[in-house]
N, C-alpha and C. Protein backbone atom coordinates (compact mmCIF):
# COMPACT_ATOMS: atom_id res chain seq x y z
N MET A 1 0.85 -1.19 0.00
CA MET A 1 0.00 0.00 0.00
C MET A 1 0.88 1.24 0.00
N LYS A 2 0.28 2.32 -0.46
CA LYS A 2 0.99 3.60 -0.47
C LYS A 2 0.16 4.65 0.26
N LEU A 3 0.77 5.30 1.24
CA LEU A 3 0.10 6.36 1.99
C LEU A 3 0.68 7.70 1.56
N TYR A 4 -0.15 8.52 0.94
CA TYR A 4 0.29 9.83 0.47
C TYR A 4 0.02 10.85 1.58
N HIS A 5 1.04 11.65 1.87
CA HIS A 5 0.92 12.59 2.98
C HIS A 5 1.73 13.84 2.70
N ALA A 6 1.50 14.86 3.51
CA ALA A 6 2.31 16.07 3.52
C ALA A 6 2.78 16.27 4.95
N ALA A 7 4.04 16.64 5.11
CA ALA A 7 4.64 16.70 6.44
C ALA A 7 3.94 17.68 7.37
N ALA A 8 3.31 18.72 6.81
CA ALA A 8 2.67 19.74 7.63
C ALA A 8 1.20 19.44 7.92
N SER A 9 0.63 18.45 7.25
CA SER A 9 -0.81 18.19 7.37
C SER A 9 -1.15 17.44 8.66
N PRO A 10 -2.02 17.99 9.48
CA PRO A 10 -2.41 17.29 10.71
C PRO A 10 -3.30 16.09 10.42
N TYR A 11 -4.06 16.16 9.32
CA TYR A 11 -4.90 15.02 8.94
C TYR A 11 -4.01 13.84 8.53
N ALA A 12 -2.98 14.14 7.74
CA ALA A 12 -2.05 13.09 7.34
C ALA A 12 -1.27 12.58 8.55
N ARG A 13 -0.99 13.46 9.49
CA ARG A 13 -0.27 13.02 10.68
C ARG A 13 -1.09 12.01 11.47
N LYS A 14 -2.38 12.21 11.54
CA LYS A 14 -3.25 11.23 12.20
C LYS A 14 -3.05 9.85 11.61
N ALA A 15 -3.04 9.79 10.28
CA ALA A 15 -2.88 8.51 9.60
C ALA A 15 -1.49 7.93 9.84
N ARG A 16 -0.48 8.77 9.84
CA ARG A 16 0.89 8.30 10.04
C ARG A 16 1.12 7.82 11.47
N ILE A 17 0.50 8.49 12.44
CA ILE A 17 0.58 8.01 13.82
C ILE A 17 -0.13 6.67 13.95
N THR A 18 -1.31 6.58 13.35
CA THR A 18 -2.07 5.33 13.39
C THR A 18 -1.28 4.19 12.78
N LEU A 19 -0.64 4.46 11.67
CA LEU A 19 0.18 3.46 10.99
C LEU A 19 1.24 2.89 11.94
N ARG A 20 1.84 3.75 12.71
CA ARG A 20 2.89 3.33 13.64
C ARG A 20 2.31 2.65 14.88
N GLU A 21 1.23 3.18 15.41
CA GLU A 21 0.64 2.59 16.61
C GLU A 21 -0.01 1.24 16.30
N ALA A 22 -0.45 1.05 15.07
CA ALA A 22 -1.01 -0.25 14.67
C ALA A 22 0.09 -1.25 14.34
N ASN A 23 1.33 -0.75 14.34
CA ASN A 23 2.50 -1.60 14.10
C ASN A 23 2.45 -2.31 12.75
N ILE A 24 2.13 -1.54 11.70
CA ILE A 24 2.06 -2.13 10.36
C ILE A 24 2.89 -1.32 9.36
N LEU A 25 3.95 -0.70 9.84
CA LEU A 25 4.80 0.10 8.97
C LEU A 25 5.31 -0.68 7.77
N GLU A 26 5.55 -1.97 7.97
CA GLU A 26 6.13 -2.78 6.89
C GLU A 26 5.14 -3.00 5.74
N LEU A 27 3.87 -2.70 5.97
CA LEU A 27 2.85 -2.92 4.94
C LEU A 27 2.63 -1.71 4.05
N VAL A 28 3.17 -0.57 4.45
CA VAL A 28 2.83 0.69 3.78
C VAL A 28 4.07 1.49 3.40
N GLU A 29 4.06 2.00 2.17
CA GLU A 29 5.09 2.94 1.73
C GLU A 29 4.54 4.35 1.89
N GLU A 30 5.27 5.20 2.59
CA GLU A 30 4.84 6.58 2.80
C GLU A 30 5.44 7.48 1.72
N ILE A 31 4.57 8.21 1.04
CA ILE A 31 5.00 9.07 -0.06
C ILE A 31 4.56 10.50 0.22
N GLU A 32 5.51 11.41 0.26
CA GLU A 32 5.18 12.81 0.53
C GLU A 32 4.80 13.53 -0.76
N VAL A 33 3.72 14.28 -0.70
CA VAL A 33 3.25 15.06 -1.85
C VAL A 33 2.93 16.48 -1.40
N ALA A 34 2.79 17.36 -2.38
CA ALA A 34 2.39 18.74 -2.11
C ALA A 34 1.02 18.94 -2.75
N PRO A 35 -0.06 18.60 -2.05
CA PRO A 35 -1.39 18.60 -2.67
C PRO A 35 -1.84 19.94 -3.21
N TRP A 36 -1.38 21.05 -2.61
CA TRP A 36 -1.82 22.37 -3.07
C TRP A 36 -1.33 22.67 -4.48
N THR A 37 -0.32 21.95 -4.93
CA THR A 37 0.20 22.18 -6.28
C THR A 37 -0.49 21.30 -7.31
N ASP A 38 -1.45 20.50 -6.87
CA ASP A 38 -2.15 19.57 -7.76
C ASP A 38 -1.17 18.76 -8.60
N PRO A 39 -0.37 17.90 -7.97
CA PRO A 39 0.60 17.09 -8.71
C PRO A 39 -0.08 16.26 -9.80
N LYS A 40 0.58 16.11 -10.91
CA LYS A 40 0.01 15.37 -12.03
C LYS A 40 -0.35 13.95 -11.60
N GLY A 41 -1.58 13.56 -11.87
CA GLY A 41 -2.04 12.21 -11.56
C GLY A 41 -2.57 12.03 -10.15
N TYR A 42 -2.40 13.04 -9.28
CA TYR A 42 -2.82 12.85 -7.90
C TYR A 42 -4.34 12.77 -7.77
N ARG A 43 -5.05 13.49 -8.63
CA ARG A 43 -6.51 13.43 -8.58
C ARG A 43 -7.04 12.06 -9.01
N ASP A 44 -6.20 11.28 -9.66
CA ASP A 44 -6.59 9.91 -9.99
C ASP A 44 -6.45 9.00 -8.78
N ILE A 45 -5.61 9.42 -7.84
CA ILE A 45 -5.44 8.66 -6.60
C ILE A 45 -6.55 9.03 -5.62
N THR A 46 -6.83 10.32 -5.51
CA THR A 46 -7.94 10.80 -4.69
C THR A 46 -8.63 11.95 -5.40
N PRO A 47 -9.93 11.86 -5.62
CA PRO A 47 -10.64 12.95 -6.30
C PRO A 47 -10.66 14.23 -5.48
N LEU A 48 -10.40 14.13 -4.18
CA LEU A 48 -10.42 15.32 -3.32
C LEU A 48 -9.17 16.16 -3.49
N GLY A 49 -8.09 15.55 -3.97
CA GLY A 49 -6.84 16.28 -4.12
C GLY A 49 -6.21 16.68 -2.81
N LYS A 50 -6.55 15.97 -1.74
CA LYS A 50 -6.05 16.30 -0.41
C LYS A 50 -5.23 15.14 0.15
N VAL A 51 -4.60 15.38 1.28
CA VAL A 51 -3.93 14.31 2.02
C VAL A 51 -4.64 14.13 3.37
N PRO A 52 -4.62 12.89 3.87
CA PRO A 52 -3.95 11.73 3.31
C PRO A 52 -4.80 11.03 2.25
N ALA A 53 -4.13 10.17 1.50
CA ALA A 53 -4.80 9.27 0.57
C ALA A 53 -4.08 7.93 0.65
N LEU A 54 -4.83 6.86 0.53
CA LEU A 54 -4.25 5.53 0.65
C LEU A 54 -4.55 4.71 -0.60
N ALA A 55 -3.50 4.34 -1.32
CA ALA A 55 -3.64 3.46 -2.48
C ALA A 55 -3.46 2.03 -1.99
N ARG A 56 -4.52 1.26 -2.07
CA ARG A 56 -4.47 -0.11 -1.56
C ARG A 56 -4.03 -1.09 -2.65
N ASP A 57 -3.48 -2.21 -2.21
CA ASP A 57 -3.07 -3.26 -3.15
C ASP A 57 -4.24 -4.16 -3.53
N ASP A 58 -5.26 -4.19 -2.67
CA ASP A 58 -6.32 -5.17 -2.86
C ASP A 58 -7.71 -4.56 -2.89
N GLY A 59 -7.81 -3.29 -3.25
CA GLY A 59 -9.12 -2.66 -3.28
C GLY A 59 -9.03 -1.22 -3.71
N PRO A 60 -10.18 -0.55 -3.81
CA PRO A 60 -10.20 0.86 -4.22
C PRO A 60 -9.42 1.74 -3.25
N ASN A 61 -8.91 2.83 -3.76
CA ASN A 61 -8.20 3.79 -2.93
C ASN A 61 -9.12 4.37 -1.87
N LEU A 62 -8.54 4.78 -0.76
CA LEU A 62 -9.30 5.40 0.32
C LEU A 62 -8.81 6.83 0.53
N PHE A 63 -9.71 7.71 0.95
CA PHE A 63 -9.33 9.09 1.24
C PHE A 63 -10.12 9.57 2.44
N GLN A 64 -9.67 10.71 3.01
CA GLN A 64 -10.16 11.28 4.26
C GLN A 64 -9.56 10.51 5.44
N SER A 65 -8.97 11.25 6.35
CA SER A 65 -8.24 10.63 7.46
C SER A 65 -9.12 9.74 8.33
N VAL A 66 -10.38 10.12 8.51
CA VAL A 66 -11.25 9.33 9.39
C VAL A 66 -11.45 7.92 8.84
N VAL A 67 -11.46 7.79 7.51
CA VAL A 67 -11.62 6.48 6.87
C VAL A 67 -10.29 5.72 6.88
N ILE A 68 -9.23 6.42 6.50
CA ILE A 68 -7.92 5.78 6.40
C ILE A 68 -7.44 5.28 7.76
N CYS A 69 -7.63 6.08 8.80
CA CYS A 69 -7.18 5.66 10.14
C CYS A 69 -7.87 4.38 10.58
N GLU A 70 -9.17 4.30 10.36
CA GLU A 70 -9.88 3.10 10.78
C GLU A 70 -9.45 1.89 9.95
N TYR A 71 -9.21 2.11 8.66
CA TYR A 71 -8.76 1.01 7.82
C TYR A 71 -7.38 0.50 8.27
N LEU A 72 -6.46 1.43 8.50
CA LEU A 72 -5.12 1.03 8.94
C LEU A 72 -5.19 0.28 10.27
N ALA A 73 -6.02 0.77 11.17
CA ALA A 73 -6.17 0.11 12.47
C ALA A 73 -6.71 -1.30 12.33
N SER A 74 -7.53 -1.52 11.31
CA SER A 74 -8.14 -2.84 11.11
C SER A 74 -7.14 -3.89 10.62
N LYS A 75 -5.97 -3.45 10.18
CA LYS A 75 -4.99 -4.38 9.61
C LYS A 75 -4.21 -5.15 10.68
N ASN A 76 -4.39 -4.79 11.94
CA ASN A 76 -3.73 -5.52 13.02
C ASN A 76 -4.75 -5.77 14.13
N SER A 77 -5.29 -6.96 14.16
CA SER A 77 -6.34 -7.29 15.13
C SER A 77 -5.81 -7.39 16.56
N GLN A 78 -4.49 -7.40 16.72
CA GLN A 78 -3.90 -7.51 18.05
C GLN A 78 -3.88 -6.18 18.79
N ILE A 79 -4.06 -5.09 18.05
CA ILE A 79 -4.05 -3.75 18.64
C ILE A 79 -5.38 -3.08 18.35
N ASN A 80 -6.11 -2.75 19.40
CA ASN A 80 -7.47 -2.23 19.23
C ASN A 80 -7.52 -0.73 19.47
N LEU A 81 -7.44 0.04 18.39
CA LEU A 81 -7.50 1.50 18.50
C LEU A 81 -8.94 2.01 18.49
N TYR A 82 -9.89 1.12 18.21
CA TYR A 82 -11.31 1.49 18.16
C TYR A 82 -12.09 0.58 19.10
N PRO A 83 -12.17 0.95 20.39
CA PRO A 83 -12.87 0.12 21.38
C PRO A 83 -14.31 -0.16 20.94
N ILE A 84 -14.78 -1.36 21.25
CA ILE A 84 -16.12 -1.73 20.81
C ILE A 84 -17.14 -1.74 21.95
N GLY A 85 -16.71 -1.63 23.19
CA GLY A 85 -17.66 -1.53 24.29
C GLY A 85 -18.52 -0.29 24.12
N SER A 86 -19.80 -0.37 24.44
CA SER A 86 -20.75 0.70 24.11
C SER A 86 -20.26 2.10 24.50
N GLU A 87 -20.01 2.34 25.77
CA GLU A 87 -19.60 3.68 26.19
C GLU A 87 -18.18 4.02 25.74
N LEU A 88 -17.30 3.04 25.76
CA LEU A 88 -15.93 3.27 25.28
C LEU A 88 -15.94 3.65 23.81
N ARG A 89 -16.80 2.98 23.05
CA ARG A 89 -16.89 3.28 21.61
C ARG A 89 -17.34 4.71 21.39
N TRP A 90 -18.40 5.12 22.08
CA TRP A 90 -18.94 6.47 21.86
C TRP A 90 -17.99 7.54 22.39
N SER A 91 -17.30 7.25 23.46
CA SER A 91 -16.31 8.19 23.98
C SER A 91 -15.18 8.39 22.96
N ASN A 92 -14.71 7.28 22.39
CA ASN A 92 -13.65 7.34 21.39
C ASN A 92 -14.09 8.13 20.17
N LEU A 93 -15.29 7.86 19.69
CA LEU A 93 -15.79 8.55 18.50
C LEU A 93 -16.03 10.04 18.78
N ARG A 94 -16.46 10.34 19.99
CA ARG A 94 -16.66 11.75 20.34
C ARG A 94 -15.32 12.49 20.39
N GLN A 95 -14.31 11.82 20.90
CA GLN A 95 -12.97 12.42 20.91
C GLN A 95 -12.50 12.72 19.49
N ILE A 96 -12.71 11.77 18.59
CA ILE A 96 -12.33 11.96 17.19
C ILE A 96 -13.09 13.14 16.60
N ALA A 97 -14.39 13.21 16.87
CA ALA A 97 -15.22 14.29 16.32
C ALA A 97 -14.76 15.65 16.83
N ALA A 98 -14.47 15.74 18.13
CA ALA A 98 -14.02 17.01 18.70
C ALA A 98 -12.67 17.42 18.12
N ALA A 99 -11.75 16.47 18.03
CA ALA A 99 -10.42 16.77 17.50
C ALA A 99 -10.49 17.18 16.03
N ASP A 100 -11.28 16.46 15.25
CA ASP A 100 -11.42 16.80 13.83
C ASP A 100 -12.10 18.16 13.67
N GLY A 101 -13.03 18.47 14.57
CA GLY A 101 -13.66 19.79 14.53
C GLY A 101 -12.66 20.90 14.79
N VAL A 102 -11.74 20.65 15.72
CA VAL A 102 -10.67 21.62 15.99
C VAL A 102 -9.81 21.80 14.75
N LEU A 103 -9.43 20.70 14.12
CA LEU A 103 -8.59 20.79 12.92
C LEU A 103 -9.30 21.52 11.79
N ASP A 104 -10.56 21.20 11.58
CA ASP A 104 -11.32 21.87 10.51
C ASP A 104 -11.36 23.38 10.75
N ALA A 105 -11.58 23.76 12.00
CA ALA A 105 -11.64 25.19 12.33
C ALA A 105 -10.28 25.86 12.14
N LEU A 106 -9.23 25.21 12.59
CA LEU A 106 -7.89 25.79 12.47
C LEU A 106 -7.47 25.92 11.01
N VAL A 107 -7.73 24.90 10.23
CA VAL A 107 -7.39 24.95 8.81
C VAL A 107 -8.21 26.03 8.11
N GLY A 108 -9.47 26.17 8.52
CA GLY A 108 -10.31 27.23 7.96
C GLY A 108 -9.72 28.61 8.23
N ILE A 109 -9.26 28.82 9.45
CA ILE A 109 -8.63 30.10 9.80
C ILE A 109 -7.37 30.32 8.98
N ARG A 110 -6.56 29.28 8.87
CA ARG A 110 -5.30 29.42 8.13
C ARG A 110 -5.55 29.74 6.66
N VAL A 111 -6.51 29.07 6.06
CA VAL A 111 -6.82 29.33 4.65
C VAL A 111 -7.35 30.74 4.46
N GLU A 112 -8.21 31.17 5.37
CA GLU A 112 -8.77 32.53 5.30
C GLU A 112 -7.65 33.57 5.35
N LYS A 113 -6.68 33.37 6.22
CA LYS A 113 -5.60 34.34 6.37
C LYS A 113 -4.55 34.22 5.28
N LEU A 114 -4.39 33.02 4.76
CA LEU A 114 -3.36 32.77 3.75
C LEU A 114 -3.76 33.30 2.38
N PHE A 115 -5.05 33.22 2.08
CA PHE A 115 -5.50 33.55 0.73
C PHE A 115 -6.25 34.88 0.62
N HIS A 116 -6.38 35.59 1.74
CA HIS A 116 -7.05 36.89 1.71
C HIS A 116 -6.20 37.94 2.40
N GLU A 117 -6.14 39.10 1.80
CA GLU A 117 -5.48 40.22 2.46
C GLU A 117 -6.25 40.55 3.74
N THR A 118 -5.57 41.15 4.69
CA THR A 118 -6.17 41.40 6.01
C THR A 118 -7.53 42.08 5.91
N GLU A 119 -7.62 43.10 5.07
CA GLU A 119 -8.88 43.85 4.97
C GLU A 119 -10.00 43.05 4.31
N MET A 120 -9.65 41.95 3.64
CA MET A 120 -10.65 41.13 2.97
C MET A 120 -11.06 39.92 3.80
N GLN A 121 -10.39 39.70 4.90
CA GLN A 121 -10.70 38.54 5.72
C GLN A 121 -12.01 38.74 6.48
N SER A 122 -12.75 37.65 6.65
CA SER A 122 -14.01 37.69 7.39
C SER A 122 -13.73 37.53 8.88
N LYS A 123 -13.85 38.61 9.63
CA LYS A 123 -13.62 38.54 11.07
C LYS A 123 -14.64 37.63 11.74
N GLU A 124 -15.87 37.68 11.24
CA GLU A 124 -16.93 36.85 11.81
C GLU A 124 -16.61 35.36 11.63
N PHE A 125 -16.13 35.01 10.44
CA PHE A 125 -15.78 33.62 10.18
C PHE A 125 -14.65 33.17 11.09
N ILE A 126 -13.61 33.99 11.19
CA ILE A 126 -12.45 33.65 12.02
C ILE A 126 -12.85 33.52 13.48
N GLN A 127 -13.67 34.44 13.97
CA GLN A 127 -14.11 34.40 15.37
C GLN A 127 -14.94 33.14 15.65
N ARG A 128 -15.75 32.76 14.68
CA ARG A 128 -16.57 31.56 14.85
C ARG A 128 -15.69 30.31 14.94
N GLN A 129 -14.66 30.26 14.11
CA GLN A 129 -13.75 29.11 14.14
C GLN A 129 -12.94 29.10 15.44
N GLU A 130 -12.53 30.27 15.89
CA GLU A 130 -11.78 30.35 17.15
C GLU A 130 -12.64 29.88 18.32
N LEU A 131 -13.93 30.19 18.28
CA LEU A 131 -14.84 29.74 19.33
C LEU A 131 -14.99 28.22 19.30
N THR A 132 -15.02 27.66 18.10
CA THR A 132 -15.08 26.21 17.96
C THR A 132 -13.87 25.55 18.62
N VAL A 133 -12.70 26.10 18.37
CA VAL A 133 -11.47 25.57 18.97
C VAL A 133 -11.53 25.70 20.49
N LEU A 134 -11.90 26.87 20.98
CA LEU A 134 -11.98 27.13 22.41
C LEU A 134 -12.91 26.15 23.11
N LYS A 135 -14.13 26.03 22.61
CA LYS A 135 -15.14 25.18 23.25
C LYS A 135 -14.77 23.70 23.16
N SER A 136 -14.19 23.31 22.04
CA SER A 136 -13.81 21.90 21.88
C SER A 136 -12.68 21.52 22.82
N LEU A 137 -11.69 22.39 22.94
CA LEU A 137 -10.58 22.11 23.86
C LEU A 137 -11.06 22.11 25.31
N ASP A 138 -12.00 22.99 25.63
CA ASP A 138 -12.57 23.00 26.98
C ASP A 138 -13.28 21.68 27.26
N LEU A 139 -14.01 21.18 26.27
CA LEU A 139 -14.71 19.91 26.43
C LEU A 139 -13.72 18.77 26.68
N ILE A 140 -12.65 18.76 25.92
CA ILE A 140 -11.64 17.71 26.08
C ILE A 140 -10.98 17.81 27.45
N GLU A 141 -10.68 19.03 27.89
CA GLU A 141 -10.09 19.24 29.22
C GLU A 141 -11.02 18.72 30.31
N GLU A 142 -12.31 19.02 30.19
CA GLU A 142 -13.29 18.61 31.20
C GLU A 142 -13.43 17.09 31.26
N ASN A 143 -13.13 16.42 30.17
CA ASN A 143 -13.29 14.97 30.11
C ASN A 143 -11.95 14.26 29.89
N VAL A 144 -10.88 14.89 30.38
CA VAL A 144 -9.54 14.37 30.11
C VAL A 144 -9.34 12.97 30.69
N MET A 145 -10.13 12.61 31.70
CA MET A 145 -9.99 11.27 32.28
C MET A 145 -10.33 10.18 31.26
N GLU A 146 -11.10 10.55 30.23
CA GLU A 146 -11.44 9.59 29.19
C GLU A 146 -10.23 9.24 28.32
N LEU A 147 -9.16 10.02 28.44
CA LEU A 147 -7.96 9.76 27.65
C LEU A 147 -7.02 8.79 28.34
N GLU A 148 -7.40 8.34 29.52
CA GLU A 148 -6.60 7.36 30.24
C GLU A 148 -6.83 5.98 29.63
N GLY A 149 -5.91 5.08 29.89
CA GLY A 149 -6.07 3.72 29.38
C GLY A 149 -5.29 3.49 28.10
N PRO A 150 -5.52 2.33 27.46
CA PRO A 150 -4.79 1.98 26.24
C PRO A 150 -4.98 3.03 25.14
N ILE A 151 -3.98 3.15 24.29
CA ILE A 151 -4.05 4.13 23.22
C ILE A 151 -5.24 3.85 22.30
N SER A 152 -5.85 4.92 21.82
CA SER A 152 -7.03 4.79 20.97
C SER A 152 -6.96 5.80 19.83
N ALA A 153 -7.85 5.62 18.87
CA ALA A 153 -7.92 6.55 17.74
C ALA A 153 -8.29 7.95 18.21
N GLY A 154 -9.10 8.02 19.27
CA GLY A 154 -9.48 9.33 19.82
C GLY A 154 -8.28 10.06 20.38
N GLN A 155 -7.44 9.34 21.10
CA GLN A 155 -6.22 9.95 21.64
C GLN A 155 -5.32 10.45 20.51
N ILE A 156 -5.19 9.65 19.47
CA ILE A 156 -4.36 10.03 18.32
C ILE A 156 -4.89 11.30 17.67
N ALA A 157 -6.20 11.37 17.48
CA ALA A 157 -6.80 12.54 16.84
C ALA A 157 -6.58 13.80 17.68
N ILE A 158 -6.76 13.68 18.98
CA ILE A 158 -6.57 14.82 19.87
C ILE A 158 -5.11 15.26 19.86
N ALA A 159 -4.20 14.32 19.92
CA ALA A 159 -2.78 14.65 19.90
C ALA A 159 -2.39 15.36 18.61
N ALA A 160 -2.93 14.91 17.49
CA ALA A 160 -2.63 15.55 16.21
C ALA A 160 -3.16 16.97 16.17
N SER A 161 -4.33 17.20 16.75
CA SER A 161 -4.90 18.55 16.73
C SER A 161 -4.11 19.49 17.64
N LEU A 162 -3.69 19.01 18.79
CA LEU A 162 -2.88 19.84 19.69
C LEU A 162 -1.51 20.13 19.08
N GLY A 163 -0.95 19.14 18.42
CA GLY A 163 0.32 19.34 17.75
C GLY A 163 0.22 20.38 16.65
N TYR A 164 -0.93 20.42 15.99
CA TYR A 164 -1.12 21.40 14.91
C TYR A 164 -1.24 22.81 15.47
N ILE A 165 -1.89 22.94 16.62
CA ILE A 165 -1.96 24.26 17.26
C ILE A 165 -0.54 24.76 17.56
N ASP A 166 0.27 23.90 18.14
CA ASP A 166 1.64 24.29 18.46
C ASP A 166 2.43 24.63 17.20
N PHE A 167 2.15 23.95 16.12
CA PHE A 167 2.89 24.13 14.88
C PHE A 167 2.50 25.40 14.13
N ARG A 168 1.21 25.63 13.97
CA ARG A 168 0.73 26.74 13.15
C ARG A 168 0.17 27.92 13.94
N PHE A 169 -0.19 27.68 15.20
CA PHE A 169 -0.82 28.72 16.00
C PHE A 169 -0.14 28.81 17.36
N SER A 170 1.16 28.96 17.34
CA SER A 170 1.93 28.95 18.59
C SER A 170 1.53 30.07 19.54
N GLU A 171 0.89 31.11 18.99
CA GLU A 171 0.44 32.22 19.84
C GLU A 171 -0.77 31.83 20.68
N ASN A 172 -1.41 30.72 20.33
CA ASN A 172 -2.58 30.24 21.07
C ASN A 172 -2.09 29.46 22.30
N ASN A 173 -2.11 30.11 23.43
CA ASN A 173 -1.60 29.47 24.65
C ASN A 173 -2.69 28.60 25.28
N TRP A 174 -3.03 27.52 24.58
CA TRP A 174 -4.12 26.66 25.02
C TRP A 174 -3.82 25.96 26.35
N ARG A 175 -2.55 25.80 26.69
CA ARG A 175 -2.19 25.09 27.92
C ARG A 175 -2.55 25.86 29.19
N MET A 176 -2.59 27.18 29.10
CA MET A 176 -2.74 28.02 30.29
C MET A 176 -3.96 27.64 31.12
N SER A 177 -5.08 27.45 30.48
CA SER A 177 -6.31 27.15 31.21
C SER A 177 -6.71 25.68 31.13
N ARG A 178 -5.80 24.84 30.63
CA ARG A 178 -6.11 23.41 30.48
C ARG A 178 -4.94 22.58 30.98
N PRO A 179 -4.66 22.65 32.27
CA PRO A 179 -3.48 21.97 32.83
C PRO A 179 -3.50 20.46 32.68
N ASN A 180 -4.67 19.87 32.79
CA ASN A 180 -4.75 18.41 32.70
C ASN A 180 -4.49 17.92 31.28
N LEU A 181 -5.07 18.62 30.32
CA LEU A 181 -4.85 18.26 28.92
C LEU A 181 -3.39 18.50 28.54
N SER A 182 -2.83 19.58 29.06
CA SER A 182 -1.43 19.89 28.79
C SER A 182 -0.51 18.78 29.31
N LYS A 183 -0.79 18.31 30.51
CA LYS A 183 0.01 17.24 31.11
C LYS A 183 -0.12 15.96 30.29
N TRP A 184 -1.35 15.66 29.88
CA TRP A 184 -1.57 14.45 29.08
C TRP A 184 -0.80 14.54 27.75
N PHE A 185 -0.89 15.70 27.09
CA PHE A 185 -0.25 15.86 25.79
C PHE A 185 1.27 15.77 25.91
N GLU A 186 1.80 16.32 26.97
CA GLU A 186 3.25 16.26 27.19
C GLU A 186 3.71 14.81 27.26
N ALA A 187 2.95 13.99 27.96
CA ALA A 187 3.31 12.57 28.09
C ALA A 187 3.11 11.84 26.76
N PHE A 188 1.99 12.12 26.10
CA PHE A 188 1.68 11.43 24.85
C PHE A 188 2.70 11.77 23.77
N SER A 189 3.21 12.98 23.81
CA SER A 189 4.17 13.43 22.80
C SER A 189 5.50 12.69 22.86
N GLN A 190 5.71 11.94 23.94
CA GLN A 190 6.95 11.18 24.07
C GLN A 190 6.89 9.85 23.34
N ARG A 191 5.73 9.50 22.81
CA ARG A 191 5.61 8.26 22.06
C ARG A 191 6.43 8.35 20.78
N ASP A 192 6.99 7.22 20.37
CA ASP A 192 7.79 7.20 19.14
C ASP A 192 6.99 7.64 17.93
N SER A 193 5.71 7.29 17.91
CA SER A 193 4.86 7.64 16.76
C SER A 193 4.70 9.15 16.63
N MET A 194 4.72 9.85 17.74
CA MET A 194 4.63 11.31 17.72
C MET A 194 5.95 11.93 17.31
N LYS A 195 7.03 11.43 17.88
CA LYS A 195 8.35 11.96 17.56
C LYS A 195 8.70 11.75 16.09
N ASP A 196 8.20 10.66 15.53
CA ASP A 196 8.52 10.30 14.15
C ASP A 196 7.69 11.06 13.12
N THR A 197 6.68 11.80 13.60
CA THR A 197 5.77 12.48 12.67
C THR A 197 5.63 13.97 12.97
N VAL A 198 6.61 14.54 13.62
CA VAL A 198 6.57 15.97 13.95
C VAL A 198 6.40 16.78 12.67
N PRO A 199 5.41 17.69 12.62
CA PRO A 199 5.18 18.47 11.39
C PRO A 199 6.33 19.42 11.09
N GLU A 200 6.51 19.68 9.79
CA GLU A 200 7.58 20.59 9.40
C GLU A 200 7.20 21.30 8.11
């Protein structure tokens, strides 16, 4: 299989962390691309033109991190990144949803600022996205005890979103009012999968 990614993409980082935590690195070749340049032939791999994208050896290509992460996790039945117990399952999925919501909001802000001059930027749009980030991180902080226990897809998604804040929005001092989440992230960041996928 081939996993297409960009070093700066938090969505691709989710997939790359999952690949390592599922312990299936030997099954996948990681290929770095620059999706914003629309590389020739890349739209044939994924119609979205985004990362990550997964070209499988035994089936249709997959795209969107939420799909790719679950597929990669399914390739090793000995490691369960998607708990199946009723409440554990919903907690894990809620963590993924909150983390992905943070990423969507942050990327929205970045695109707005990157492609529009200051006077053309929508302050209302940016403020709405910032509120999404604020409320989502508060929710995760309030429920940080749910991040205890064996590693899960929810933990991976949250770690990728926090890493992206540090990478692209270093002025956002999210740790100040979220000591428990900060402590958890500091410990989680010591995992080899995190160190091996630091954005650049």
